[in-house]
Amino acid sequence: MNTANPQLEGLYLAVAAINRLLVEKGVVSHADIQSALQAAERTVLADDKPLAVSTSHQKAIAFPIRLLLLANEANEQGTKFCFEDLAREVGRRT
Protein backbone atom coordinates (compact mmCIF):
# COMPACT_ATOMS: atom_id res chain seq x y z
CA MET A 1 0.00 0.00 0.00
CA ASN A 2 1.26 3.44 -0.89
CA THR A 3 1.62 5.39 2.37
CA ALA A 4 1.03 8.66 0.54
CA ASN A 5 -2.62 7.77 -0.14
CA PRO A 6 -3.83 7.92 3.48
CA GLN A 7 -1.75 11.04 4.00
CA LEU A 8 -3.39 12.70 1.00
CA GLU A 9 -6.84 11.60 2.18
CA GLY A 10 -6.12 13.31 5.49
CA LEU A 11 -4.89 16.43 3.73
CA TYR A 12 -8.02 16.67 1.57
CA LEU A 13 -10.27 16.30 4.61
CA ALA A 14 -8.21 18.89 6.50
CA VAL A 15 -8.54 21.40 3.66
CA ALA A 16 -12.29 20.70 3.52
CA ALA A 17 -12.50 21.37 7.28
CA ILE A 18 -10.58 24.64 6.89
CA ASN A 19 -12.90 25.68 4.06
CA ARG A 20 -15.92 24.91 6.25
CA LEU A 21 -14.42 26.95 9.11
CA LEU A 22 -13.76 29.92 6.81
CA VAL A 23 -17.42 29.85 5.76
CA GLU A 24 -18.63 29.49 9.35
CA LYS A 25 -16.49 32.48 10.41
CA GLY A 26 -17.89 34.56 7.54
CA VAL A 27 -14.50 35.00 5.87
CA VAL A 28 -15.73 33.52 2.59
CA SER A 29 -18.95 32.02 1.27
CA HIS A 30 -19.59 28.59 -0.20
CA ALA A 31 -19.93 30.37 -3.55
CA ASP A 32 -16.48 31.95 -3.12
CA ILE A 33 -14.91 28.57 -2.43
CA GLN A 34 -16.75 27.00 -5.35
CA SER A 35 -15.62 29.76 -7.69
CA ALA A 36 -11.97 29.46 -6.62
CA LEU A 37 -11.97 25.67 -6.95
CA GLN A 38 -13.71 25.79 -10.33
CA ALA A 39 -11.09 28.26 -11.58
CA ALA A 40 -8.35 25.88 -10.42
CA GLU A 41 -10.08 22.96 -12.16
CA ARG A 42 -10.40 24.95 -15.40
CA THR A 43 -6.69 25.77 -15.27
CA VAL A 44 -5.78 22.10 -14.87
CA LEU A 45 -8.07 20.96 -17.67
CA ALA A 46 -7.55 23.90 -20.06
CA ASP A 47 -7.56 22.84 -23.69
CA ASP A 48 -5.81 25.98 -24.90
CA LYS A 49 -2.35 24.83 -23.86
CA PRO A 50 -0.26 22.07 -25.39
CA LEU A 51 -0.60 18.86 -23.44
CA ALA A 52 2.53 18.42 -21.40
CA VAL A 53 0.86 15.58 -19.53
CA SER A 54 -1.62 12.88 -20.45
CA THR A 55 -5.37 13.27 -20.03
CA SER A 56 -5.30 10.73 -17.21
CA HIS A 57 -2.60 12.80 -15.48
CA GLN A 58 -4.78 15.91 -15.81
CA LYS A 59 -7.72 14.03 -14.30
CA ALA A 60 -5.51 12.87 -11.44
CA ILE A 61 -4.46 16.45 -10.76
CA ALA A 62 -8.11 17.56 -10.91
CA PHE A 63 -9.24 14.84 -8.46
CA PRO A 64 -8.53 16.73 -5.20
CA ILE A 65 -10.10 19.89 -6.63
CA ARG A 66 -13.24 17.97 -7.55
CA LEU A 67 -13.28 16.28 -4.16
CA LEU A 68 -13.08 19.66 -2.40
CA LEU A 69 -15.87 21.00 -4.63
CA LEU A 70 -18.07 18.10 -3.49
CA ALA A 71 -17.08 18.62 0.15
CA ASN A 72 -18.03 22.30 -0.17
CA GLU A 73 -21.35 21.31 -1.73
CA ALA A 74 -22.02 18.81 1.07
CA ASN A 75 -21.09 21.38 3.74
CA GLU A 76 -23.45 23.90 2.18
CA GLN A 77 -26.27 21.34 2.34
CA GLY A 78 -25.35 20.35 5.90
CA THR A 79 -24.52 16.82 4.78
CA LYS A 80 -21.92 14.70 6.60
CA PHE A 81 -19.36 13.01 4.38
CA CYS A 82 -16.32 10.75 4.44
CA PHE A 83 -13.46 10.51 1.99
CA GLU A 84 -14.76 7.30 0.40
CA ASP A 85 -18.17 8.81 -0.32
CA LEU A 86 -16.62 11.90 -1.89
CA ALA A 87 -14.13 9.87 -3.95
CA ARG A 88 -16.90 7.60 -5.23
CA GLU A 89 -18.98 10.62 -6.24
CA VAL A 90 -16.02 12.22 -8.05
CA GLY A 91 -15.66 8.99 -10.03
CA ARG A 92 -19.37 8.85 -10.78
CA ARG A 93 -19.45 12.45 -12.04
CA THR A 94 -16.36 12.23 -14.26
PDB file of N, CA and C in Angstrom:
ATOM      1  N   MET A   1       0.844  -1.184   0.000  1.00  0.00           N
ATOM      2  CA  MET A   1       0.000   0.000   0.000  1.00  0.00           C
ATOM      3  C   MET A   1       0.887   1.244   0.000  1.00  0.00           C
ATOM      4  N   ASN A   2       0.525   2.183  -0.812  1.00  0.00           N
ATOM      5  CA  ASN A   2       1.257   3.445  -0.888  1.00  0.00           C
ATOM      6  C   ASN A   2       0.896   4.299   0.324  1.00  0.00           C
ATOM      7  N   THR A   3       1.896   4.618   1.145  1.00  0.00           N
ATOM      8  CA  THR A   3       1.622   5.386   2.367  1.00  0.00           C
ATOM      9  C   THR A   3       1.189   6.814   2.079  1.00  0.00           C
ATOM     10  N   ALA A   4       1.441   7.300   0.872  1.00  0.00           N
ATOM     11  CA  ALA A   4       1.025   8.665   0.537  1.00  0.00           C
ATOM     12  C   ALA A   4      -0.489   8.771   0.437  1.00  0.00           C
ATOM     13  N   ASN A   5      -1.167   7.699   0.037  1.00  0.00           N
ATOM     14  CA  ASN A   5      -2.617   7.774  -0.145  1.00  0.00           C
ATOM     15  C   ASN A   5      -3.362   8.158   1.127  1.00  0.00           C
ATOM     16  N   PRO A   6      -3.131   7.488   2.266  1.00  0.00           N
ATOM     17  CA  PRO A   6      -3.827   7.921   3.484  1.00  0.00           C
ATOM     18  C   PRO A   6      -3.427   9.333   3.906  1.00  0.00           C
ATOM     19  N   GLN A   7      -2.185   9.686   3.663  1.00  0.00           N
ATOM     20  CA  GLN A   7      -1.747  11.040   4.001  1.00  0.00           C
ATOM     21  C   GLN A   7      -2.487  12.066   3.157  1.00  0.00           C
ATOM     22  N   LEU A   8      -2.660  11.779   1.876  1.00  0.00           N
ATOM     23  CA  LEU A   8      -3.395  12.697   1.001  1.00  0.00           C
ATOM     24  C   LEU A   8      -4.866  12.753   1.385  1.00  0.00           C
ATOM     25  N   GLU A   9      -5.450  11.604   1.728  1.00  0.00           N
ATOM     26  CA  GLU A   9      -6.841  11.600   2.177  1.00  0.00           C
ATOM     27  C   GLU A   9      -7.000  12.534   3.373  1.00  0.00           C
ATOM     28  N   GLY A  10      -6.076  12.437   4.314  1.00  0.00           N
ATOM     29  CA  GLY A  10      -6.122  13.310   5.486  1.00  0.00           C
ATOM     30  C   GLY A  10      -5.973  14.769   5.113  1.00  0.00           C
ATOM     31  N   LEU A  11      -5.090  15.045   4.173  1.00  0.00           N
ATOM     32  CA  LEU A  11      -4.888  16.426   3.727  1.00  0.00           C
ATOM     33  C   LEU A  11      -6.151  16.986   3.089  1.00  0.00           C
ATOM     34  N   TYR A  12      -6.797  16.204   2.223  1.00  0.00           N
ATOM     35  CA  TYR A  12      -8.021  16.674   1.567  1.00  0.00           C
ATOM     36  C   TYR A  12      -9.103  16.973   2.603  1.00  0.00           C
ATOM     37  N   LEU A  13      -9.255  16.079   3.582  1.00  0.00           N
ATOM     38  CA  LEU A  13     -10.272  16.298   4.607  1.00  0.00           C
ATOM     39  C   LEU A  13      -9.922  17.500   5.482  1.00  0.00           C
ATOM     40  N   ALA A  14      -8.636  17.717   5.728  1.00  0.00           N
ATOM     41  CA  ALA A  14      -8.208  18.888   6.504  1.00  0.00           C
ATOM     42  C   ALA A  14      -8.519  20.178   5.757  1.00  0.00           C
ATOM     43  N   VAL A  15      -8.241  20.203   4.463  1.00  0.00           N
ATOM     44  CA  VAL A  15      -8.540  21.399   3.662  1.00  0.00           C
ATOM     45  C   VAL A  15     -10.051  21.637   3.634  1.00  0.00           C
ATOM     46  N   ALA A  16     -10.833  20.562   3.507  1.00  0.00           N
ATOM     47  CA  ALA A  16     -12.291  20.704   3.523  1.00  0.00           C
ATOM     48  C   ALA A  16     -12.753  21.288   4.859  1.00  0.00           C
ATOM     49  N   ALA A  17     -12.137  20.848   5.957  1.00  0.00           N
ATOM     50  CA  ALA A  17     -12.500  21.372   7.279  1.00  0.00           C
ATOM     51  C   ALA A  17     -12.131  22.850   7.403  1.00  0.00           C
ATOM     52  N   ILE A  18     -10.987  23.225   6.867  1.00  0.00           N
ATOM     53  CA  ILE A  18     -10.581  24.638   6.894  1.00  0.00           C
ATOM     54  C   ILE A  18     -11.548  25.475   6.060  1.00  0.00           C
ATOM     55  N   ASN A  19     -11.927  24.964   4.895  1.00  0.00           N
ATOM     56  CA  ASN A  19     -12.900  25.679   4.061  1.00  0.00           C
ATOM     57  C   ASN A  19     -14.208  25.878   4.820  1.00  0.00           C
ATOM     58  N   ARG A  20     -14.666  24.819   5.486  1.00  0.00           N
ATOM     59  CA  ARG A  20     -15.915  24.907   6.253  1.00  0.00           C
ATOM     60  C   ARG A  20     -15.785  25.963   7.359  1.00  0.00           C
ATOM     61  N   LEU A  21     -14.651  25.971   8.050  1.00  0.00           N
ATOM     62  CA  LEU A  21     -14.419  26.947   9.114  1.00  0.00           C
ATOM     63  C   LEU A  21     -14.422  28.376   8.573  1.00  0.00           C
ATOM     64  N   LEU A  22     -13.788  28.580   7.424  1.00  0.00           N
ATOM     65  CA  LEU A  22     -13.763  29.916   6.813  1.00  0.00           C
ATOM     66  C   LEU A  22     -15.174  30.404   6.502  1.00  0.00           C
ATOM     67  N   VAL A  23     -16.024  29.486   6.039  1.00  0.00           N
ATOM     68  CA  VAL A  23     -17.417  29.850   5.761  1.00  0.00           C
ATOM     69  C   VAL A  23     -18.138  30.153   7.072  1.00  0.00           C
ATOM     70  N   GLU A  24     -17.955  29.284   8.068  1.00  0.00           N
ATOM     71  CA  GLU A  24     -18.627  29.491   9.355  1.00  0.00           C
ATOM     72  C   GLU A  24     -18.230  30.816  10.001  1.00  0.00           C
ATOM     73  N   LYS A  25     -16.977  31.228   9.829  1.00  0.00           N
ATOM     74  CA  LYS A  25     -16.486  32.482  10.410  1.00  0.00           C
ATOM     75  C   LYS A  25     -16.865  33.697   9.570  1.00  0.00           C
ATOM     76  N   GLY A  26     -17.465  33.463   8.404  1.00  0.00           N
ATOM     77  CA  GLY A  26     -17.885  34.562   7.545  1.00  0.00           C
ATOM     78  C   GLY A  26     -16.765  35.175   6.724  1.00  0.00           C
ATOM     79  N   VAL A  27     -15.632  34.485   6.646  1.00  0.00           N
ATOM     80  CA  VAL A  27     -14.497  34.998   5.872  1.00  0.00           C
ATOM     81  C   VAL A  27     -14.775  34.882   4.377  1.00  0.00           C
ATOM     82  N   VAL A  28     -15.355  33.766   3.986  1.00  0.00           N
ATOM     83  CA  VAL A  28     -15.734  33.519   2.590  1.00  0.00           C
ATOM     84  C   VAL A  28     -17.090  32.825   2.587  1.00  0.00           C
ATOM     85  N   SER A  29     -17.686  32.744   1.414  1.00  0.00           N
ATOM     86  CA  SER A  29     -18.952  32.018   1.267  1.00  0.00           C
ATOM     87  C   SER A  29     -18.694  30.702   0.544  1.00  0.00           C
ATOM     88  N   HIS A  30     -19.690  29.829   0.578  1.00  0.00           N
ATOM     89  CA  HIS A  30     -19.586  28.590  -0.198  1.00  0.00           C
ATOM     90  C   HIS A  30     -19.387  28.919  -1.673  1.00  0.00           C
ATOM     91  N   ALA A  31     -20.062  29.966  -2.142  1.00  0.00           N
ATOM     92  CA  ALA A  31     -19.929  30.371  -3.548  1.00  0.00           C
ATOM     93  C   ALA A  31     -18.504  30.826  -3.858  1.00  0.00           C
ATOM     94  N   ASP A  32     -17.872  31.528  -2.921  1.00  0.00           N
ATOM     95  CA  ASP A  32     -16.478  31.953  -3.117  1.00  0.00           C
ATOM     96  C   ASP A  32     -15.556  30.745  -3.261  1.00  0.00           C
ATOM     97  N   ILE A  33     -15.737  29.777  -2.380  1.00  0.00           N
ATOM     98  CA  ILE A  33     -14.905  28.569  -2.434  1.00  0.00           C
ATOM     99  C   ILE A  33     -15.157  27.825  -3.728  1.00  0.00           C
ATOM    100  N   GLN A  34     -16.419  27.683  -4.105  1.00  0.00           N
ATOM    101  CA  GLN A  34     -16.754  27.000  -5.348  1.00  0.00           C
ATOM    102  C   GLN A  34     -16.109  27.697  -6.536  1.00  0.00           C
ATOM    103  N   SER A  35     -16.190  28.994  -6.579  1.00  0.00           N
ATOM    104  CA  SER A  35     -15.616  29.756  -7.689  1.00  0.00           C
ATOM    105  C   SER A  35     -14.102  29.569  -7.771  1.00  0.00           C
ATOM    106  N   ALA A  36     -13.428  29.630  -6.632  1.00  0.00           N
ATOM    107  CA  ALA A  36     -11.967  29.460  -6.617  1.00  0.00           C
ATOM    108  C   ALA A  36     -11.569  28.055  -7.060  1.00  0.00           C
ATOM    109  N   LEU A  37     -12.284  27.052  -6.571  1.00  0.00           N
ATOM    110  CA  LEU A  37     -11.966  25.674  -6.950  1.00  0.00           C
ATOM    111  C   LEU A  37     -12.282  25.409  -8.420  1.00  0.00           C
ATOM    112  N   GLN A  38     -13.378  25.959  -8.911  1.00  0.00           N
ATOM    113  CA  GLN A  38     -13.707  25.788 -10.328  1.00  0.00           C
ATOM    114  C   GLN A  38     -12.670  26.455 -11.214  1.00  0.00           C
ATOM    115  N   ALA A  39     -12.155  27.595 -10.811  1.00  0.00           N
ATOM    116  CA  ALA A  39     -11.092  28.257 -11.579  1.00  0.00           C
ATOM    117  C   ALA A  39      -9.843  27.388 -11.606  1.00  0.00           C
ATOM    118  N   ALA A  40      -9.512  26.780 -10.474  1.00  0.00           N
ATOM    119  CA  ALA A  40      -8.351  25.884 -10.425  1.00  0.00           C
ATOM    120  C   ALA A  40      -8.565  24.677 -11.329  1.00  0.00           C
ATOM    121  N   GLU A  41      -9.766  24.116 -11.312  1.00  0.00           N
ATOM    122  CA  GLU A  41     -10.075  22.964 -12.161  1.00  0.00           C
ATOM    123  C   GLU A  41      -9.973  23.343 -13.637  1.00  0.00           C
ATOM    124  N   ARG A  42     -10.490  24.503 -14.001  1.00  0.00           N
ATOM    125  CA  ARG A  42     -10.401  24.949 -15.401  1.00  0.00           C
ATOM    126  C   ARG A  42      -8.947  25.098 -15.829  1.00  0.00           C
ATOM    127  N   THR A  43      -8.110  25.614 -14.951  1.00  0.00           N
ATOM    128  CA  THR A  43      -6.688  25.772 -15.266  1.00  0.00           C
ATOM    129  C   THR A  43      -6.045  24.418 -15.540  1.00  0.00           C
ATOM    130  N   VAL A  44      -6.348  23.445 -14.709  1.00  0.00           N
ATOM    131  CA  VAL A  44      -5.782  22.102 -14.866  1.00  0.00           C
ATOM    132  C   VAL A  44      -6.236  21.464 -16.173  1.00  0.00           C
ATOM    133  N   LEU A  45      -7.494  21.648 -16.515  1.00  0.00           N
ATOM    134  CA  LEU A  45      -8.071  20.956 -17.670  1.00  0.00           C
ATOM    135  C   LEU A  45      -8.116  21.806 -18.931  1.00  0.00           C
ATOM    136  N   ALA A  46      -7.493  22.979 -18.916  1.00  0.00           N
ATOM    137  CA  ALA A  46      -7.549  23.900 -20.056  1.00  0.00           C
ATOM    138  C   ALA A  46      -7.083  23.223 -21.339  1.00  0.00           C
ATOM    139  N   ASP A  47      -7.880  23.411 -22.384  1.00  0.00           N
ATOM    140  CA  ASP A  47      -7.559  22.840 -23.692  1.00  0.00           C
ATOM    141  C   ASP A  47      -6.682  23.761 -24.524  1.00  0.00           C
ATOM    142  N   ASP A  48      -6.515  25.001 -24.084  1.00  0.00           N
ATOM    143  CA  ASP A  48      -5.808  25.980 -24.903  1.00  0.00           C
ATOM    144  C   ASP A  48      -4.292  25.917 -24.753  1.00  0.00           C
ATOM    145  N   LYS A  49      -3.797  24.975 -24.005  1.00  0.00           N
ATOM    146  CA  LYS A  49      -2.351  24.829 -23.855  1.00  0.00           C
ATOM    147  C   LYS A  49      -1.924  23.475 -24.411  1.00  0.00           C
ATOM    148  N   PRO A  50      -0.713  23.371 -24.903  1.00  0.00           N
ATOM    149  CA  PRO A  50      -0.263  22.071 -25.390  1.00  0.00           C
ATOM    150  C   PRO A  50      -0.188  21.085 -24.226  1.00  0.00           C
ATOM    151  N   LEU A  51      -0.595  19.871 -24.491  1.00  0.00           N
ATOM    152  CA  LEU A  51      -0.600  18.861 -23.443  1.00  0.00           C
ATOM    153  C   LEU A  51       0.820  18.455 -23.077  1.00  0.00           C
ATOM    154  N   ALA A  52       1.234  18.842 -21.907  1.00  0.00           N
ATOM    155  CA  ALA A  52       2.534  18.424 -21.396  1.00  0.00           C
ATOM    156  C   ALA A  52       2.379  17.123 -20.621  1.00  0.00           C
ATOM    157  N   VAL A  53       1.153  16.812 -20.260  1.00  0.00           N
ATOM    158  CA  VAL A  53       0.858  15.582 -19.531  1.00  0.00           C
ATOM    159  C   VAL A  53      -0.346  14.907 -20.176  1.00  0.00           C
ATOM    160  N   SER A  54      -0.515  13.640 -19.877  1.00  0.00           N
ATOM    161  CA  SER A  54      -1.625  12.883 -20.451  1.00  0.00           C
ATOM    162  C   SER A  54      -2.956  13.339 -19.849  1.00  0.00           C
ATOM    163  N   THR A  55      -4.027  12.963 -20.523  1.00  0.00           N
ATOM    164  CA  THR A  55      -5.366  13.273 -20.029  1.00  0.00           C
ATOM    165  C   THR A  55      -5.586  12.629 -18.669  1.00  0.00           C
ATOM    166  N   SER A  56      -5.121  11.393 -18.500  1.00  0.00           N
ATOM    167  CA  SER A  56      -5.296  10.725 -17.210  1.00  0.00           C
ATOM    168  C   SER A  56      -4.526  11.450 -16.106  1.00  0.00           C
ATOM    169  N   HIS A  57      -3.376  12.022 -16.455  1.00  0.00           N
ATOM    170  CA  HIS A  57      -2.602  12.801 -15.479  1.00  0.00           C
ATOM    171  C   HIS A  57      -3.369  14.071 -15.107  1.00  0.00           C
ATOM    172  N   GLN A  58      -3.970  14.719 -16.089  1.00  0.00           N
ATOM    173  CA  GLN A  58      -4.780  15.914 -15.811  1.00  0.00           C
ATOM    174  C   GLN A  58      -5.938  15.572 -14.875  1.00  0.00           C
ATOM    175  N   LYS A  59      -6.601  14.441 -15.152  1.00  0.00           N
ATOM    176  CA  LYS A  59      -7.721  14.031 -14.300  1.00  0.00           C
ATOM    177  C   LYS A  59      -7.251  13.732 -12.882  1.00  0.00           C
ATOM    178  N   ALA A  60      -6.065  13.148 -12.767  1.00  0.00           N
ATOM    179  CA  ALA A  60      -5.514  12.865 -11.440  1.00  0.00           C
ATOM    180  C   ALA A  60      -5.231  14.161 -10.687  1.00  0.00           C
ATOM    181  N   ILE A  61      -4.719  15.155 -11.390  1.00  0.00           N
ATOM    182  CA  ILE A  61      -4.461  16.453 -10.763  1.00  0.00           C
ATOM    183  C   ILE A  61      -5.781  17.113 -10.361  1.00  0.00           C
ATOM    184  N   ALA A  62      -6.812  16.943 -11.183  1.00  0.00           N
ATOM    185  CA  ALA A  62      -8.114  17.559 -10.908  1.00  0.00           C
ATOM    186  C   ALA A  62      -8.868  16.855  -9.777  1.00  0.00           C
ATOM    187  N   PHE A  63      -8.500  15.606  -9.466  1.00  0.00           N
ATOM    188  CA  PHE A  63      -9.242  14.839  -8.459  1.00  0.00           C
ATOM    189  C   PHE A  63      -9.407  15.576  -7.127  1.00  0.00           C
ATOM    190  N   PRO A  64      -8.326  16.071  -6.498  1.00  0.00           N
ATOM    191  CA  PRO A  64      -8.530  16.732  -5.201  1.00  0.00           C
ATOM    192  C   PRO A  64      -9.377  17.999  -5.306  1.00  0.00           C
ATOM    193  N   ILE A  65      -9.277  18.684  -6.427  1.00  0.00           N
ATOM    194  CA  ILE A  65     -10.096  19.887  -6.627  1.00  0.00           C
ATOM    195  C   ILE A  65     -11.565  19.492  -6.677  1.00  0.00           C
ATOM    196  N   ARG A  66     -11.862  18.449  -7.433  1.00  0.00           N
ATOM    197  CA  ARG A  66     -13.244  17.973  -7.548  1.00  0.00           C
ATOM    198  C   ARG A  66     -13.758  17.458  -6.206  1.00  0.00           C
ATOM    199  N   LEU A  67     -12.893  16.777  -5.466  1.00  0.00           N
ATOM    200  CA  LEU A  67     -13.282  16.278  -4.157  1.00  0.00           C
ATOM    201  C   LEU A  67     -13.620  17.443  -3.221  1.00  0.00           C
ATOM    202  N   LEU A  68     -12.810  18.489  -3.251  1.00  0.00           N
ATOM    203  CA  LEU A  68     -13.076  19.657  -2.404  1.00  0.00           C
ATOM    204  C   LEU A  68     -14.333  20.399  -2.852  1.00  0.00           C
ATOM    205  N   LEU A  69     -14.611  20.411  -4.152  1.00  0.00           N
ATOM    206  CA  LEU A  69     -15.867  20.995  -4.630  1.00  0.00           C
ATOM    207  C   LEU A  69     -17.058  20.242  -4.044  1.00  0.00           C
ATOM    208  N   LEU A  70     -16.980  18.908  -4.052  1.00  0.00           N
ATOM    209  CA  LEU A  70     -18.069  18.104  -3.495  1.00  0.00           C
ATOM    210  C   LEU A  70     -18.184  18.290  -1.984  1.00  0.00           C
ATOM    211  N   ALA A  71     -17.049  18.389  -1.302  1.00  0.00           N
ATOM    212  CA  ALA A  71     -17.079  18.622   0.146  1.00  0.00           C
ATOM    213  C   ALA A  71     -17.732  19.968   0.447  1.00  0.00           C
ATOM    214  N   ASN A  72     -17.415  20.978  -0.343  1.00  0.00           N
ATOM    215  CA  ASN A  72     -18.026  22.299  -0.172  1.00  0.00           C
ATOM    216  C   ASN A  72     -19.535  22.219  -0.395  1.00  0.00           C
ATOM    217  N   GLU A  73     -19.929  21.491  -1.427  1.00  0.00           N
ATOM    218  CA  GLU A  73     -21.352  21.311  -1.730  1.00  0.00           C
ATOM    219  C   GLU A  73     -22.058  20.605  -0.564  1.00  0.00           C
ATOM    220  N   ALA A  74     -21.432  19.551  -0.049  1.00  0.00           N
ATOM    221  CA  ALA A  74     -22.017  18.813   1.075  1.00  0.00           C
ATOM    222  C   ALA A  74     -22.112  19.695   2.319  1.00  0.00           C
ATOM    223  N   ASN A  75     -21.064  20.465   2.586  1.00  0.00           N
ATOM    224  CA  ASN A  75     -21.094  21.376   3.736  1.00  0.00           C
ATOM    225  C   ASN A  75     -22.218  22.392   3.607  1.00  0.00           C
ATOM    226  N   GLU A  76     -22.401  22.906   2.404  1.00  0.00           N
ATOM    227  CA  GLU A  76     -23.455  23.902   2.178  1.00  0.00           C
ATOM    228  C   GLU A  76     -24.831  23.308   2.457  1.00  0.00           C
ATOM    229  N   GLN A  77     -24.994  22.019   2.133  1.00  0.00           N
ATOM    230  CA  GLN A  77     -26.271  21.338   2.342  1.00  0.00           C
ATOM    231  C   GLN A  77     -26.401  20.767   3.754  1.00  0.00           C
ATOM    232  N   GLY A  78     -25.326  20.891   4.547  1.00  0.00           N
ATOM    233  CA  GLY A  78     -25.354  20.350   5.902  1.00  0.00           C
ATOM    234  C   GLY A  78     -25.229  18.840   5.948  1.00  0.00           C
ATOM    235  N   THR A  79     -24.666  18.264   4.898  1.00  0.00           N
ATOM    236  CA  THR A  79     -24.524  16.816   4.784  1.00  0.00           C
ATOM    237  C   THR A  79     -23.172  16.366   5.317  1.00  0.00           C
ATOM    238  N   LYS A  80     -23.164  15.307   6.126  1.00  0.00           N
ATOM    239  CA  LYS A  80     -21.915  14.700   6.601  1.00  0.00           C
ATOM    240  C   LYS A  80     -21.324  13.872   5.468  1.00  0.00           C
ATOM    241  N   PHE A  81     -20.008  13.775   5.434  1.00  0.00           N
ATOM    242  CA  PHE A  81     -19.356  13.008   4.378  1.00  0.00           C
ATOM    243  C   PHE A  81     -18.072  12.388   4.888  1.00  0.00           C
ATOM    244  N   CYS A  82     -17.628  11.353   4.181  1.00  0.00           N
ATOM    245  CA  CYS A  82     -16.324  10.755   4.442  1.00  0.00           C
ATOM    246  C   CYS A  82     -15.563  10.738   3.113  1.00  0.00           C
ATOM    247  N   PHE A  83     -14.290  10.487   3.185  1.00  0.00           N
ATOM    248  CA  PHE A  83     -13.459  10.510   1.987  1.00  0.00           C
ATOM    249  C   PHE A  83     -13.983   9.537   0.932  1.00  0.00           C
ATOM    250  N   GLU A  84     -14.322   8.326   1.357  1.00  0.00           N
ATOM    251  CA  GLU A  84     -14.758   7.304   0.402  1.00  0.00           C
ATOM    252  C   GLU A  84     -16.001   7.741  -0.363  1.00  0.00           C
ATOM    253  N   ASP A  85     -16.948   8.335   0.341  1.00  0.00           N
ATOM    254  CA  ASP A  85     -18.169   8.814  -0.324  1.00  0.00           C
ATOM    255  C   ASP A  85     -17.846   9.893  -1.354  1.00  0.00           C
ATOM    256  N   LEU A  86     -16.982  10.826  -0.967  1.00  0.00           N
ATOM    257  CA  LEU A  86     -16.616  11.901  -1.891  1.00  0.00           C
ATOM    258  C   LEU A  86     -15.860  11.352  -3.095  1.00  0.00           C
ATOM    259  N   ALA A  87     -14.914  10.449  -2.856  1.00  0.00           N
ATOM    260  CA  ALA A  87     -14.126   9.873  -3.954  1.00  0.00           C
ATOM    261  C   ALA A  87     -15.024   9.109  -4.919  1.00  0.00           C
ATOM    262  N   ARG A  88     -15.963   8.350  -4.378  1.00  0.00           N
ATOM    263  CA  ARG A  88     -16.899   7.595  -5.227  1.00  0.00           C
ATOM    264  C   ARG A  88     -17.729   8.551  -6.091  1.00  0.00           C
ATOM    265  N   GLU A  89     -18.168   9.647  -5.496  1.00  0.00           N
ATOM    266  CA  GLU A  89     -18.984  10.620  -6.237  1.00  0.00           C
ATOM    267  C   GLU A  89     -18.162  11.327  -7.306  1.00  0.00           C
ATOM    268  N   VAL A  90     -16.894  11.631  -7.019  1.00  0.00           N
ATOM    269  CA  VAL A  90     -16.019  12.216  -8.048  1.00  0.00           C
ATOM    270  C   VAL A  90     -15.944  11.264  -9.234  1.00  0.00           C
ATOM    271  N   GLY A  91     -15.725   9.982  -8.961  1.00  0.00           N
ATOM    272  CA  GLY A  91     -15.657   8.988 -10.034  1.00  0.00           C
ATOM    273  C   GLY A  91     -16.951   8.885 -10.815  1.00  0.00           C
ATOM    274  N   ARG A  92     -18.069   8.953 -10.112  1.00  0.00           N
ATOM    275  CA  ARG A  92     -19.370   8.853 -10.781  1.00  0.00           C
ATOM    276  C   ARG A  92     -19.619  10.042 -11.699  1.00  0.00           C
ATOM    277  N   ARG A  93     -19.177  11.227 -11.276  1.00  0.00           N
ATOM    278  CA  ARG A  93     -19.448  12.446 -12.043  1.00  0.00           C
ATOM    279  C   ARG A  93     -18.469  12.677 -13.189  1.00  0.00           C
ATOM    280  N   THR A  94     -17.345  11.971 -13.200  1.00  0.00           N
ATOM    281  CA  THR A  94     -16.355  12.227 -14.255  1.00  0.00           C
ATOM    282  C   THR A  94     -16.229  11.063 -15.199  1.00  0.00           C
TER     283      THR A  94
END
